[in-house]
Amino acid sequence: MNYIRQDYIQAIYRLSKEKGYTNNKNISDYFSISRPSVSEMIKKLVEDGLVIQDKTKIYLSESGDKSAKEVLSKHRVWECFLVDVLGLDGSIVHNQSDLLEHVTSDEMFAALNKFLDYPKKSPNGKRIYTNENI
């Protein structure tokens, strides 16, 4: 999955937390892009089986939810590494982790996760979903 799709899946995941769904306007506002651009990507994500659209409501499918949690877990494990191992300041860690999550293979993620002893929470206390049952 390319990084733009990953960003959309994460955005839908985050925006759906409160009500269980989001909509085109919320996603458009989140990315500061036009609604037609969002509609085009949502169509692609529906075709990929990652998103379900019911009129104006946009949900993640089971597979989309799993994908979002995997990308968020990569992001948060990178935050752990950057803060705990490299000692970087928390103010730059989020942006760096956002870049790294997109280029981290499953093998690299497994090695990094093992090196960090499978953290359960990011430095700011957010869940690392892939490590919850380890």
C-alpha atoms as a PDB file:
ATOM      1  CA  MET A   1       0.000   0.000   0.000  1.00  0.00           C
ATOM      2  CA  ASN A   2       1.451   3.371  -0.921  1.00  0.00           C
ATOM      3  CA  TYR A   3       2.037   6.096   1.633  1.00  0.00           C
ATOM      4  CA  ILE A   4      -0.902   8.263   0.508  1.00  0.00           C
ATOM      5  CA  ARG A   5      -3.308   5.384   1.089  1.00  0.00           C
ATOM      6  CA  GLN A   6      -1.627   4.749   4.449  1.00  0.00           C
ATOM      7  CA  ASP A   7      -2.143   8.396   5.414  1.00  0.00           C
ATOM      8  CA  TYR A   8      -5.816   8.228   4.453  1.00  0.00           C
ATOM      9  CA  ILE A   9      -6.358   5.013   6.390  1.00  0.00           C
ATOM     10  CA  GLN A  10      -4.733   6.565   9.471  1.00  0.00           C
ATOM     11  CA  ALA A  11      -6.784   9.744   9.099  1.00  0.00           C
ATOM     12  CA  ILE A  12     -10.036   7.793   8.800  1.00  0.00           C
ATOM     13  CA  TYR A  13      -9.035   5.729  11.836  1.00  0.00           C
ATOM     14  CA  ARG A  14      -8.310   8.832  13.921  1.00  0.00           C
ATOM     15  CA  LEU A  15     -11.356  10.772  12.726  1.00  0.00           C
ATOM     16  CA  SER A  16     -13.661   7.790  13.356  1.00  0.00           C
ATOM     17  CA  LYS A  17     -12.628   7.319  16.986  1.00  0.00           C
ATOM     18  CA  GLU A  18     -15.470   9.348  18.467  1.00  0.00           C
ATOM     19  CA  LYS A  19     -18.492   8.358  16.351  1.00  0.00           C
ATOM     20  CA  GLY A  20     -17.272   5.192  14.645  1.00  0.00           C
ATOM     21  CA  TYR A  21     -17.266   6.886  11.244  1.00  0.00           C
ATOM     22  CA  THR A  22     -16.149  10.063   9.529  1.00  0.00           C
ATOM     23  CA  ASN A  23     -17.127  11.935   6.378  1.00  0.00           C
ATOM     24  CA  ASN A  24     -15.654  13.602   3.324  1.00  0.00           C
ATOM     25  CA  LYS A  25     -15.661  17.068   4.916  1.00  0.00           C
ATOM     26  CA  ASN A  26     -13.752  15.924   8.006  1.00  0.00           C
ATOM     27  CA  ILE A  27     -11.122  14.204   5.869  1.00  0.00           C
ATOM     28  CA  SER A  28     -10.907  17.234   3.581  1.00  0.00           C
ATOM     29  CA  ASP A  29     -10.364  19.503   6.600  1.00  0.00           C
ATOM     30  CA  TYR A  30      -7.840  17.076   8.135  1.00  0.00           C
ATOM     31  CA  PHE A  31      -5.610  17.173   5.051  1.00  0.00           C
ATOM     32  CA  SER A  32      -6.542  20.729   3.946  1.00  0.00           C
ATOM     33  CA  ILE A  33      -7.429  19.472   0.482  1.00  0.00           C
ATOM     34  CA  SER A  34     -10.517  19.663  -1.705  1.00  0.00           C
ATOM     35  CA  ARG A  35     -13.511  17.412  -1.180  1.00  0.00           C
ATOM     36  CA  PRO A  36     -13.358  16.098  -4.783  1.00  0.00           C
ATOM     37  CA  SER A  37      -9.775  14.936  -4.127  1.00  0.00           C
ATOM     38  CA  VAL A  38     -10.947  13.116  -1.014  1.00  0.00           C
ATOM     39  CA  SER A  39     -13.873  11.554  -2.911  1.00  0.00           C
ATOM     40  CA  GLU A  40     -11.500  10.221  -5.554  1.00  0.00           C
ATOM     41  CA  MET A  41      -9.240   8.567  -2.992  1.00  0.00           C
ATOM     42  CA  ILE A  42     -12.185   7.181  -1.016  1.00  0.00           C
ATOM     43  CA  LYS A  43     -13.401   5.468  -4.207  1.00  0.00           C
ATOM     44  CA  LYS A  44      -9.979   3.834  -4.590  1.00  0.00           C
ATOM     45  CA  LEU A  45      -9.944   2.731  -0.959  1.00  0.00           C
ATOM     46  CA  VAL A  46     -13.436   1.256  -1.339  1.00  0.00           C
ATOM     47  CA  GLU A  47     -12.215  -0.646  -4.436  1.00  0.00           C
ATOM     48  CA  ASP A  48      -9.224  -1.888  -2.409  1.00  0.00           C
ATOM     49  CA  GLY A  49     -11.583  -3.168   0.283  1.00  0.00           C
ATOM     50  CA  LEU A  50     -10.103  -0.914   2.962  1.00  0.00           C
ATOM     51  CA  VAL A  51     -13.034   1.472   3.346  1.00  0.00           C
ATOM     52  CA  ILE A  52     -16.819   1.184   3.404  1.00  0.00           C
ATOM     53  CA  GLN A  53     -18.912   4.148   2.343  1.00  0.00           C
ATOM     54  CA  ASP A  54     -22.577   4.360   3.308  1.00  0.00           C
ATOM     55  CA  LYS A  55     -24.011   7.596   1.896  1.00  0.00           C
ATOM     56  CA  THR A  56     -21.991  10.281   3.698  1.00  0.00           C
ATOM     57  CA  LYS A  57     -20.516   7.981   6.363  1.00  0.00           C
ATOM     58  CA  ILE A  58     -17.036   6.580   5.798  1.00  0.00           C
ATOM     59  CA  TYR A  59     -15.834   3.580   7.831  1.00  0.00           C
ATOM     60  CA  LEU A  60     -12.768   1.398   7.779  1.00  0.00           C
ATOM     61  CA  SER A  61     -13.398  -2.207   6.789  1.00  0.00           C
ATOM     62  CA  GLU A  62     -11.931  -4.937   8.972  1.00  0.00           C
ATOM     63  CA  SER A  63      -8.922  -5.046   6.664  1.00  0.00           C
ATOM     64  CA  GLY A  64      -8.654  -1.230   6.701  1.00  0.00           C
ATOM     65  CA  ASP A  65      -8.755  -1.178  10.496  1.00  0.00           C
ATOM     66  CA  LYS A  66      -5.987  -3.788  10.633  1.00  0.00           C
ATOM     67  CA  SER A  67      -3.882  -1.807   8.145  1.00  0.00           C
ATOM     68  CA  ALA A  68      -4.366   1.431  10.106  1.00  0.00           C
ATOM     69  CA  LYS A  69      -3.283  -0.230  13.342  1.00  0.00           C
ATOM     70  CA  GLU A  70      -0.204  -1.702  11.664  1.00  0.00           C
ATOM     71  CA  VAL A  71       0.891   1.686  10.298  1.00  0.00           C
ATOM     72  CA  LEU A  72       0.166   3.421  13.610  1.00  0.00           C
ATOM     73  CA  SER A  73       2.160   0.731  15.413  1.00  0.00           C
ATOM     74  CA  LYS A  74       5.147   1.292  13.126  1.00  0.00           C
ATOM     75  CA  HIS A  75       4.892   5.008  13.775  1.00  0.00           C
ATOM     76  CA  ARG A  76       4.760   4.552  17.532  1.00  0.00           C
ATOM     77  CA  VAL A  77       7.600   2.022  17.670  1.00  0.00           C
ATOM     78  CA  TRP A  78       9.741   4.495  15.737  1.00  0.00           C
ATOM     79  CA  GLU A  79       8.791   7.146  18.312  1.00  0.00           C
ATOM     80  CA  CYS A  80      10.036   4.794  21.043  1.00  0.00           C
ATOM     81  CA  PHE A  81      13.318   4.256  19.237  1.00  0.00           C
ATOM     82  CA  LEU A  82      13.892   7.937  18.491  1.00  0.00           C
ATOM     83  CA  VAL A  83      13.146   9.028  22.067  1.00  0.00           C
ATOM     84  CA  ASP A  84      14.430   6.104  24.146  1.00  0.00           C
ATOM     85  CA  VAL A  85      17.474   5.081  22.116  1.00  0.00           C
ATOM     86  CA  LEU A  86      18.545   8.196  20.241  1.00  0.00           C
ATOM     87  CA  GLY A  87      17.363  10.657  22.866  1.00  0.00           C
ATOM     88  CA  LEU A  88      15.673  12.951  20.374  1.00  0.00           C
ATOM     89  CA  ASP A  89      13.403  15.708  21.584  1.00  0.00           C
ATOM     90  CA  GLY A  90       9.725  14.865  21.509  1.00  0.00           C
ATOM     91  CA  SER A  91       8.957  17.937  19.400  1.00  0.00           C
ATOM     92  CA  ILE A  92      10.591  16.452  16.277  1.00  0.00           C
ATOM     93  CA  VAL A  93       9.840  12.791  16.872  1.00  0.00           C
ATOM     94  CA  HIS A  94       6.303  12.760  15.440  1.00  0.00           C
ATOM     95  CA  ASN A  95       7.331  14.157  12.047  1.00  0.00           C
ATOM     96  CA  GLN A  96      10.349  11.872  11.791  1.00  0.00           C
ATOM     97  CA  SER A  97       8.258   8.835  12.723  1.00  0.00           C
ATOM     98  CA  ASP A  98       5.688   9.834  10.119  1.00  0.00           C
ATOM     99  CA  LEU A  99       8.396   9.628   7.455  1.00  0.00           C
ATOM    100  CA  LEU A 100       9.893   6.375   8.749  1.00  0.00           C
ATOM    101  CA  GLU A 101       6.582   4.488   9.082  1.00  0.00           C
ATOM    102  CA  HIS A 102       6.134   4.588   5.302  1.00  0.00           C
ATOM    103  CA  VAL A 103       9.514   3.084   4.446  1.00  0.00           C
ATOM    104  CA  THR A 104       9.672   0.403   7.142  1.00  0.00           C
ATOM    105  CA  SER A 105       9.398  -3.120   5.786  1.00  0.00           C
ATOM    106  CA  ASP A 106       7.823  -5.858   7.865  1.00  0.00           C
ATOM    107  CA  GLU A 107      11.300  -7.335   8.459  1.00  0.00           C
ATOM    108  CA  MET A 108      12.700  -3.994   9.642  1.00  0.00           C
ATOM    109  CA  PHE A 109       9.690  -3.476  11.890  1.00  0.00           C
ATOM    110  CA  ALA A 110      10.095  -6.939  13.435  1.00  0.00           C
ATOM    111  CA  ALA A 111      13.805  -6.310  14.124  1.00  0.00           C
ATOM    112  CA  LEU A 112      13.190  -2.843  15.556  1.00  0.00           C
ATOM    113  CA  ASN A 113      10.343  -4.109  17.695  1.00  0.00           C
ATOM    114  CA  LYS A 114      12.467  -6.976  19.043  1.00  0.00           C
ATOM    115  CA  PHE A 115      15.367  -4.589  19.741  1.00  0.00           C
ATOM    116  CA  LEU A 116      13.017  -2.419  21.820  1.00  0.00           C
ATOM    117  CA  ASP A 117      11.555  -5.486  23.591  1.00  0.00           C
ATOM    118  CA  TYR A 118       8.055  -5.009  22.154  1.00  0.00           C
ATOM    119  CA  PRO A 119       6.914  -1.772  23.809  1.00  0.00           C
ATOM    120  CA  LYS A 120       3.201  -1.559  24.594  1.00  0.00           C
ATOM    121  CA  LYS A 121       2.964   2.255  24.574  1.00  0.00           C
ATOM    122  CA  SER A 122       4.606   5.108  22.693  1.00  0.00           C
ATOM    123  CA  PRO A 123       6.529   7.792  24.619  1.00  0.00           C
ATOM    124  CA  ASN A 124       3.318   9.844  24.777  1.00  0.00           C
ATOM    125  CA  GLY A 125       1.294   6.886  26.075  1.00  0.00           C
ATOM    126  CA  LYS A 126      -0.486   5.787  22.894  1.00  0.00           C
ATOM    127  CA  ARG A 127      -1.144   2.078  22.318  1.00  0.00           C
ATOM    128  CA  ILE A 128       1.102   0.009  20.069  1.00  0.00           C
ATOM    129  CA  TYR A 129      -1.555  -2.321  18.717  1.00  0.00           C
ATOM    130  CA  THR A 130       0.710  -4.993  17.233  1.00  0.00           C
ATOM    131  CA  ASN A 131       2.385  -5.557  20.617  1.00  0.00           C
ATOM    132  CA  GLU A 132      -0.719  -5.849  22.788  1.00  0.00           C
ATOM    133  CA  ASN A 133      -0.838  -9.636  22.693  1.00  0.00           C
ATOM    134  CA  ILE A 134       2.888 -10.284  22.892  1.00  0.00           C
END
